[in-house]
Amino acid sequence: MPLRLFDTSTRTKITSAPGPKATMYVCGITPYDATHIGHANTYVAFDLVNRVWRDSGRTVRYVQNVTDIDDPLLVRAVETGQDWRAIADREIQLFRTDMSALRVMPPDNYIGAVEAIPSVVTYVERLVESGDVYRVDDDLYFRVRSDPRFGSVAGLDEDRMRSIFAERGGDPDRPGKDDPLDCLVWQAARGGEPSWESTLGPGRPGWHIECAAIALEYLGIPIDVQGGGSDLAFPHHEMGAAEAQRACDLPAFARLYVHSGMVSWQGHKMSKSRGNLVFVSALRSDGVDPMALRLALLAHHYRTDWAWTAQGLEGAQARVDAWRAAARRPTASPAEPLIAEVRACLADDLATPAAIDAIDAWVHREGDDPAAPALMADTVDALLGVQLR
């Protein structure tokens, strides 16, 4: 079945990849701390997109970035007295280990911001030539309203955009800007901070242009799915799309903008700035079964906001145990109807709670098909990424 996903920009479900090849860009981490449950929720969600596309016979090209140079990383380096590169390398490796434990299939290309600097410079130069970039002191800013489609991704009004921009790394009140929402594409070198020589002058990339440049370089546009957490719809995806569209003079950066919900704990969204985090690596160190952890995430529809609880994890472990016991039976009810039902659920905007209910119902049915237990286990493994054997 074709995979239909909810597109943030149109507020409708749309077929995600109309052709035999599918492309996806999912924004990665800023590696100044370990992988938390909120991260895992996002990457497991888009792992499902990858799996459903592959199950339908499509060839998938998946790219993810890592923002391995940014202000939070430099702040953490100062706080801890460690080299920023050592922190980034350590946390990137831990993130990849956590994703592997959760059986998240790796992207085809995993590109760091530092590695992407030549590409960033190329696209900023294009924007300079077209008059879409201007200087404030020695920094370079993109005129967001040079793209007539600006604002169409998140669909926010002016006041809300300005407020969120200030909350999420923007600088709407900086003197000298043409528009409060114009965003940084190249930050000139600052004393004591890392910088790179370029035709733009010594400096480093802005956040949004980093992802735009990597997606353009490795996928081309339009990409089928631009993915990430719902907190990235604005400003990150809004501004990155505008930059890419102007740099390449094309009508659309992505066919769909797909966003996962936020996970809360202790009454607030998990946030590094707040410090209310549950780390994947800590749970694994405590002996938590990664498959139970993955299933605890899948119990919630990917677009919903929800709260992490110990009870939810305990329930997921009980479910994994029941599924594993069913996979070891000598016979069971035929699994072919179950496969069709799980596929139908996932094709409808990744309806994992309904797919889980279908598997639970199958587990409680008796049957005499000797091939069914193994087929059920393979289905759960391939489509949901939960390994039972």
Protein backbone atom coordinates (compact mmCIF):
# COMPACT_ATOMS: atom_id res chain seq x y z
CA MET A 1 0.00 0.00 0.00
CA PRO A 2 1.22 3.57 -0.60
CA LEU A 3 2.33 5.29 2.59
CA ARG A 4 0.22 8.35 3.39
CA LEU A 5 1.66 10.81 5.90
CA PHE A 6 0.33 13.95 7.54
CA ASP A 7 1.93 16.98 5.91
CA THR A 8 2.36 19.90 8.30
CA SER A 9 2.24 22.50 5.53
CA THR A 10 -1.16 21.44 4.13
CA ARG A 11 -2.62 19.80 7.27
CA THR A 12 -3.65 16.80 5.17
CA LYS A 13 -2.51 13.24 4.59
CA ILE A 14 -0.58 12.90 1.33
CA THR A 15 1.00 9.93 -0.45
CA SER A 16 4.62 10.18 0.60
CA ALA A 17 6.59 8.88 -2.39
CA PRO A 18 4.81 8.76 -5.72
CA GLY A 19 7.62 6.94 -7.56
CA PRO A 20 9.81 3.85 -7.12
CA LYS A 21 12.54 5.90 -5.42
CA ALA A 22 12.00 7.73 -2.15
CA THR A 23 14.16 10.39 -0.50
CA MET A 24 14.13 11.52 3.10
CA TYR A 25 16.07 14.08 5.12
CA VAL A 26 15.74 14.00 8.90
CA CYS A 27 17.45 16.63 11.03
CA GLY A 28 20.01 15.16 13.42
CA ILE A 29 21.33 15.99 16.86
CA THR A 30 23.57 18.71 18.23
CA PRO A 31 26.04 16.43 20.02
CA TYR A 32 26.64 18.12 23.37
CA ASP A 33 24.74 15.57 25.47
CA ALA A 34 23.50 11.98 25.29
CA THR A 35 20.51 10.69 23.34
CA HIS A 36 17.27 11.12 25.26
CA ILE A 37 13.83 9.59 24.79
CA GLY A 38 12.62 12.58 22.81
CA HIS A 39 15.39 11.99 20.26
CA ALA A 40 14.60 8.29 20.14
CA ASN A 41 10.91 8.99 19.56
CA THR A 42 11.73 11.03 16.45
CA TYR A 43 14.26 8.65 14.89
CA VAL A 44 12.15 5.56 15.54
CA ALA A 45 9.22 7.31 13.83
CA PHE A 46 11.20 8.03 10.69
CA ASP A 47 12.73 4.57 10.81
CA LEU A 48 9.16 3.34 10.29
CA VAL A 49 8.88 5.51 7.17
CA ASN A 50 12.08 3.90 5.88
CA ARG A 51 10.78 0.40 6.64
CA VAL A 52 7.34 0.90 5.08
CA TRP A 53 8.85 2.36 1.92
CA ARG A 54 11.25 -0.58 1.62
CA ASP A 55 8.46 -3.07 2.29
CA SER A 56 6.55 -1.53 -0.63
CA GLY A 57 9.52 -2.20 -2.91
CA ARG A 58 10.87 1.35 -3.10
CA THR A 59 14.53 2.25 -3.16
CA VAL A 60 15.21 4.65 -0.30
CA ARG A 61 17.82 7.38 -0.04
CA TYR A 62 18.02 8.69 3.53
CA VAL A 63 20.27 11.51 4.73
CA GLN A 64 20.76 12.91 8.23
CA ASN A 65 22.96 15.69 9.53
CA VAL A 66 24.71 16.24 12.82
CA THR A 67 25.28 19.82 13.98
CA ASP A 68 28.81 19.25 15.20
CA ILE A 69 29.58 22.95 15.56
CA ASP A 70 27.08 25.22 17.29
CA ASP A 71 26.78 27.52 20.30
CA PRO A 72 25.41 24.89 22.75
CA LEU A 73 28.37 22.63 22.00
CA LEU A 74 30.84 25.45 22.58
CA VAL A 75 29.10 26.41 25.82
CA ARG A 76 29.32 22.82 27.05
CA ALA A 77 33.04 22.76 26.18
CA VAL A 78 33.63 25.86 28.31
CA GLU A 79 31.52 24.48 31.18
CA THR A 80 33.40 21.18 31.28
CA GLY A 81 36.85 22.30 30.20
CA GLN A 82 36.83 19.76 27.37
CA ASP A 83 37.66 20.23 23.70
CA TRP A 84 34.44 20.77 21.71
CA ARG A 85 35.56 18.23 19.09
CA ALA A 86 36.09 15.55 21.74
CA ILE A 87 32.60 16.17 23.14
CA ALA A 88 31.06 15.99 19.67
CA ASP A 89 32.91 12.80 18.72
CA ARG A 90 31.94 11.08 21.97
CA GLU A 91 28.27 12.02 21.81
CA ILE A 92 27.96 11.17 18.11
CA GLN A 93 29.30 7.69 18.79
CA LEU A 94 26.97 7.26 21.75
CA PHE A 95 24.01 8.39 19.63
CA ARG A 96 24.84 5.90 16.91
CA THR A 97 25.23 3.11 19.49
CA ASP A 98 21.85 3.99 20.99
CA MET A 99 20.19 4.01 17.56
CA SER A 100 21.74 0.64 16.72
CA ALA A 101 20.44 -0.83 19.98
CA LEU A 102 16.96 0.43 19.08
CA ARG A 103 17.37 -1.11 15.61
CA VAL A 104 17.00 2.19 13.81
CA MET A 105 18.40 1.65 10.33
CA PRO A 106 21.26 4.10 9.70
CA PRO A 107 21.00 6.79 7.03
CA ASP A 108 22.84 6.37 3.75
CA ASN A 109 24.75 9.56 4.52
CA TYR A 110 25.40 10.96 7.97
CA ILE A 111 26.93 14.41 7.42
CA GLY A 112 28.41 16.79 9.96
CA ALA A 113 28.09 20.56 9.70
CA VAL A 114 31.88 20.91 9.61
CA GLU A 115 32.10 18.44 6.73
CA ALA A 116 29.37 20.39 4.91
CA ILE A 117 31.07 23.80 5.11
CA PRO A 118 32.18 23.79 1.42
CA SER A 119 28.59 23.09 0.36
CA VAL A 120 27.24 25.76 2.70
CA VAL A 121 29.63 28.32 1.24
CA THR A 122 28.55 27.41 -2.31
CA TYR A 123 24.87 27.97 -1.59
CA VAL A 124 25.44 31.13 0.44
CA GLU A 125 27.44 32.52 -2.48
CA ARG A 126 24.43 31.88 -4.73
CA LEU A 127 22.20 33.74 -2.31
CA VAL A 128 24.67 36.62 -2.18
CA GLU A 129 24.67 36.84 -5.99
CA SER A 130 20.87 36.88 -6.12
CA GLY A 131 20.70 39.66 -3.53
CA ASP A 132 19.02 37.45 -0.94
CA VAL A 133 21.84 37.82 1.61
CA TYR A 134 23.14 40.98 3.29
CA ARG A 135 25.68 41.88 5.97
CA VAL A 136 25.11 42.90 9.55
CA ASP A 137 28.55 43.85 10.77
CA ASP A 138 30.54 40.88 9.38
CA ASP A 139 27.74 38.31 9.68
CA LEU A 140 25.60 37.29 6.70
CA TYR A 141 21.80 37.16 6.91
CA PHE A 142 19.21 35.66 4.57
CA ARG A 143 16.17 37.73 3.60
CA VAL A 144 13.44 35.24 4.43
CA ARG A 145 10.79 37.20 2.56
CA SER A 146 12.75 36.96 -0.67
CA ASP A 147 10.98 33.58 -0.90
CA PRO A 148 7.26 34.25 -1.47
CA ARG A 149 6.48 30.85 0.09
CA PHE A 150 8.02 31.77 3.43
CA GLY A 151 5.56 30.97 6.21
CA SER A 152 3.81 28.15 4.36
CA VAL A 153 5.52 25.25 6.18
CA ALA A 154 4.44 25.94 9.76
CA GLY A 155 1.52 28.25 8.93
CA LEU A 156 2.10 30.65 11.83
CA ASP A 157 1.10 34.28 12.10
CA GLU A 158 3.67 37.06 12.34
CA ASP A 159 3.61 37.47 16.12
CA ARG A 160 3.91 33.74 16.73
CA MET A 161 6.81 33.41 14.29
CA ARG A 162 8.71 36.21 15.98
CA SER A 163 8.08 34.79 19.45
CA ILE A 164 9.16 31.26 18.53
CA PHE A 165 12.17 32.54 16.59
CA ALA A 166 13.42 34.23 19.76
CA GLU A 167 12.82 31.07 21.82
CA ARG A 168 14.60 28.73 19.40
CA GLY A 169 17.94 30.30 18.69
CA GLY A 170 16.92 33.29 16.60
CA ASP A 171 17.79 36.96 17.10
CA PRO A 172 14.75 39.03 16.06
CA ASP A 173 15.91 42.08 18.02
CA ARG A 174 19.42 42.36 16.61
CA PRO A 175 20.08 45.91 15.40
CA GLY A 176 20.85 46.30 11.71
CA LYS A 177 18.63 43.51 10.39
CA ASP A 178 16.23 44.33 7.57
CA ASP A 179 13.53 42.09 9.05
CA PRO A 180 13.32 40.61 12.57
CA LEU A 181 12.88 37.12 11.06
CA ASP A 182 15.90 37.23 8.75
CA CYS A 183 18.22 34.40 9.73
CA LEU A 184 21.97 33.94 10.00
CA VAL A 185 23.64 31.94 7.22
CA TRP A 186 27.29 32.69 7.98
CA GLN A 187 28.61 33.80 11.35
CA ALA A 188 31.88 35.70 11.17
CA ALA A 189 34.75 34.46 13.32
CA ARG A 190 34.55 35.33 17.01
CA GLY A 191 37.51 35.52 19.33
CA GLY A 192 38.21 32.19 21.02
CA GLU A 193 35.71 30.27 18.88
CA PRO A 194 36.46 27.86 16.00
CA SER A 195 36.15 29.24 12.48
CA TRP A 196 36.97 28.22 8.92
CA GLU A 197 38.43 30.21 6.06
CA SER A 198 36.15 30.75 3.08
CA THR A 199 35.31 33.16 0.30
CA LEU A 200 32.71 34.56 2.69
CA GLY A 201 35.41 35.42 5.20
CA PRO A 202 36.47 33.36 8.23
CA GLY A 203 33.50 31.97 10.15
CA ARG A 204 31.07 29.08 10.45
CA PRO A 205 27.62 28.12 9.12
CA GLY A 206 24.28 29.20 10.45
CA TRP A 207 21.93 26.44 11.58
CA HIS A 208 19.26 26.44 8.88
CA ILE A 209 21.56 26.73 5.87
CA GLU A 210 23.51 23.73 7.15
CA CYS A 211 20.60 21.35 6.61
CA ALA A 212 19.49 23.04 3.39
CA ALA A 213 22.97 22.64 1.90
CA ILE A 214 23.34 18.99 2.97
CA ALA A 215 19.93 18.07 1.57
CA LEU A 216 20.65 19.85 -1.72
CA GLU A 217 24.07 18.24 -2.02
CA TYR A 218 23.08 14.66 -1.25
CA LEU A 219 19.42 14.39 -2.28
CA GLY A 220 18.48 17.18 -4.64
CA ILE A 221 15.04 18.73 -4.40
CA PRO A 222 12.21 18.27 -4.00
CA ILE A 223 12.85 15.59 -1.40
CA ASP A 224 9.91 13.35 -0.59
CA VAL A 225 9.97 13.85 3.18
CA GLN A 226 11.62 16.49 5.34
CA GLY A 227 11.37 15.10 8.84
CA GLY A 228 12.06 16.00 12.43
CA GLY A 229 10.43 16.84 15.72
CA SER A 230 7.49 19.26 15.75
CA ASP A 231 9.70 21.88 17.39
CA LEU A 232 11.65 22.09 14.12
CA ALA A 233 8.71 23.11 11.91
CA PHE A 234 9.51 26.71 12.79
CA PRO A 235 11.99 28.22 12.45
CA HIS A 236 14.28 25.47 11.24
CA HIS A 237 12.29 23.80 8.48
CA GLU A 238 10.57 27.01 7.45
CA MET A 239 13.82 28.90 6.99
CA GLY A 240 15.82 26.01 5.55
CA ALA A 241 13.17 25.47 2.89
CA ALA A 242 13.15 29.16 1.95
CA GLU A 243 16.95 29.20 1.64
CA ALA A 244 17.04 26.07 -0.51
CA GLN A 245 14.21 27.26 -2.76
CA ARG A 246 15.89 30.61 -3.39
CA ALA A 247 19.37 29.11 -3.82
CA CYS A 248 18.15 26.73 -6.53
CA ASP A 249 15.20 28.73 -7.90
CA LEU A 250 12.89 25.74 -7.60
CA PRO A 251 9.23 25.67 -6.52
CA ALA A 252 9.49 23.33 -3.53
CA PHE A 253 12.15 22.02 -1.17
CA ALA A 254 10.07 19.04 0.01
CA ARG A 255 6.86 17.34 -1.01
CA LEU A 256 5.94 16.67 2.61
CA TYR A 257 6.98 18.16 5.94
CA VAL A 258 6.45 15.47 8.55
CA HIS A 259 6.86 16.07 12.28
CA SER A 260 6.89 13.81 15.32
CA GLY A 261 5.37 14.82 18.64
CA MET A 262 7.17 15.90 21.78
CA VAL A 263 7.83 13.65 24.79
CA SER A 264 7.47 15.15 28.26
CA TRP A 265 8.75 14.12 31.67
CA GLN A 266 8.24 15.72 35.06
CA GLY A 267 5.50 17.86 33.58
CA HIS A 268 7.54 19.46 30.79
CA LYS A 269 8.81 18.62 27.32
CA MET A 270 12.16 16.84 27.54
CA SER A 271 14.74 19.52 26.97
CA LYS A 272 18.48 19.77 27.39
CA SER A 273 18.11 23.37 28.55
CA ARG A 274 15.62 22.32 31.26
CA GLY A 275 17.57 19.16 32.15
CA ASN A 276 14.51 16.88 32.50
CA LEU A 277 15.93 14.09 30.39
CA VAL A 278 15.67 10.33 30.32
CA PHE A 279 18.70 8.99 28.48
CA VAL A 280 18.58 5.93 26.25
CA SER A 281 22.11 4.91 27.24
CA ALA A 282 21.25 5.13 30.96
CA LEU A 283 18.22 2.89 30.48
CA ARG A 284 20.31 0.39 28.55
CA SER A 285 22.97 0.45 31.28
CA ASP A 286 20.23 -0.32 33.81
CA GLY A 287 19.39 -3.46 31.84
CA VAL A 288 16.27 -2.22 30.03
CA ASP A 289 15.50 -4.35 26.97
CA PRO A 290 15.94 -2.08 23.92
CA MET A 291 13.00 -3.80 22.24
CA ALA A 292 10.77 -2.90 25.16
CA LEU A 293 12.04 0.66 24.89
CA ARG A 294 11.25 0.76 21.17
CA LEU A 295 7.80 -0.71 21.74
CA ALA A 296 7.13 1.86 24.48
CA LEU A 297 7.69 4.52 21.83
CA LEU A 298 5.58 2.78 19.20
CA ALA A 299 2.64 2.53 21.61
CA HIS A 300 2.04 6.24 20.88
CA HIS A 301 1.14 7.63 17.48
CA TYR A 302 4.18 9.45 16.18
CA ARG A 303 2.38 12.82 15.84
CA THR A 304 1.05 12.94 19.40
CA ASP A 305 2.65 14.64 22.39
CA TRP A 306 2.89 12.26 25.33
CA ALA A 307 4.51 11.73 28.71
CA TRP A 308 7.20 9.18 29.47
CA THR A 309 6.36 6.94 32.46
CA ALA A 310 7.90 3.93 34.14
CA GLN A 311 4.52 2.21 33.85
CA GLY A 312 4.56 2.62 30.07
CA LEU A 313 7.95 0.95 29.88
CA GLU A 314 6.79 -1.90 32.15
CA GLY A 315 3.77 -2.45 29.94
CA ALA A 316 5.97 -2.52 26.84
CA GLN A 317 8.21 -5.16 28.42
CA ALA A 318 5.20 -7.32 29.25
CA ARG A 319 4.01 -6.97 25.66
CA VAL A 320 7.42 -7.94 24.24
CA ASP A 321 7.50 -10.97 26.52
CA ALA A 322 4.04 -12.04 25.32
CA TRP A 323 4.98 -11.57 21.67
CA ARG A 324 8.19 -13.55 22.13
CA ALA A 325 6.29 -16.38 23.79
CA ALA A 326 3.87 -16.41 20.85
CA ALA A 327 6.78 -16.54 18.39
CA ARG A 328 8.04 -19.70 20.14
CA ARG A 329 4.78 -21.63 19.86
CA PRO A 330 4.78 -24.74 17.66
CA THR A 331 1.63 -23.55 15.86
CA ALA A 332 -0.58 -20.47 15.74
CA SER A 333 -3.38 -18.80 13.82
CA PRO A 334 -2.38 -18.02 10.19
CA ALA A 335 -0.25 -14.89 10.04
CA GLU A 336 -1.09 -13.70 6.52
CA PRO A 337 -4.19 -11.74 7.63
CA LEU A 338 -2.11 -10.16 10.39
CA ILE A 339 0.53 -9.04 7.89
CA ALA A 340 -2.12 -7.36 5.74
CA GLU A 341 -3.63 -5.62 8.76
CA VAL A 342 -0.28 -4.34 10.06
CA ARG A 343 0.64 -3.06 6.61
CA ALA A 344 -2.70 -1.27 6.32
CA CYS A 345 -2.26 0.37 9.71
CA LEU A 346 1.24 1.61 8.93
CA ALA A 347 0.25 2.84 5.47
CA ASP A 348 -2.32 5.10 7.16
CA ASP A 349 0.06 7.68 8.63
CA LEU A 350 2.04 5.12 10.67
CA ALA A 351 -0.83 4.10 12.94
CA THR A 352 1.35 2.02 15.27
CA PRO A 353 -1.15 1.78 18.17
CA ALA A 354 -3.63 0.08 15.80
CA ALA A 355 -0.89 -2.21 14.47
CA ILE A 356 0.06 -3.18 18.02
CA ASP A 357 -3.58 -3.90 18.86
CA ALA A 358 -3.76 -6.20 15.83
CA ILE A 359 -0.68 -8.12 16.97
CA ASP A 360 -2.02 -8.37 20.53
CA ALA A 361 -5.27 -9.83 19.20
CA TRP A 362 -3.38 -12.36 17.06
CA VAL A 363 -1.24 -13.41 20.04
CA HIS A 364 -4.39 -14.43 21.94
CA ARG A 365 -5.81 -16.51 19.11
CA GLU A 366 -5.15 -20.23 18.79
CA GLY A 367 -4.39 -22.01 15.50
CA ASP A 368 -2.69 -24.96 13.89
CA ASP A 369 -0.44 -23.26 11.30
CA PRO A 370 3.19 -24.31 12.04
CA ALA A 371 4.64 -21.52 9.87
CA ALA A 372 2.66 -18.73 11.53
CA PRO A 373 4.82 -18.03 14.64
CA ALA A 374 7.97 -17.43 12.59
CA LEU A 375 6.06 -15.37 10.04
CA MET A 376 4.61 -13.20 12.80
CA ALA A 377 8.08 -12.64 14.26
CA ASP A 378 9.48 -11.70 10.87
CA THR A 379 6.61 -9.26 10.30
CA VAL A 380 7.10 -7.54 13.65
CA ASP A 381 10.83 -7.38 13.00
CA ALA A 382 10.65 -6.05 9.44
CA LEU A 383 7.78 -3.58 9.81
CA LEU A 384 7.98 -2.42 13.43
CA GLY A 385 11.67 -3.04 14.02
CA VAL A 386 11.00 -5.13 17.14
CA GLN A 387 13.20 -8.22 17.23
CA LEU A 388 11.53 -11.19 18.87
CA ARG A 389 14.03 -13.97 18.14
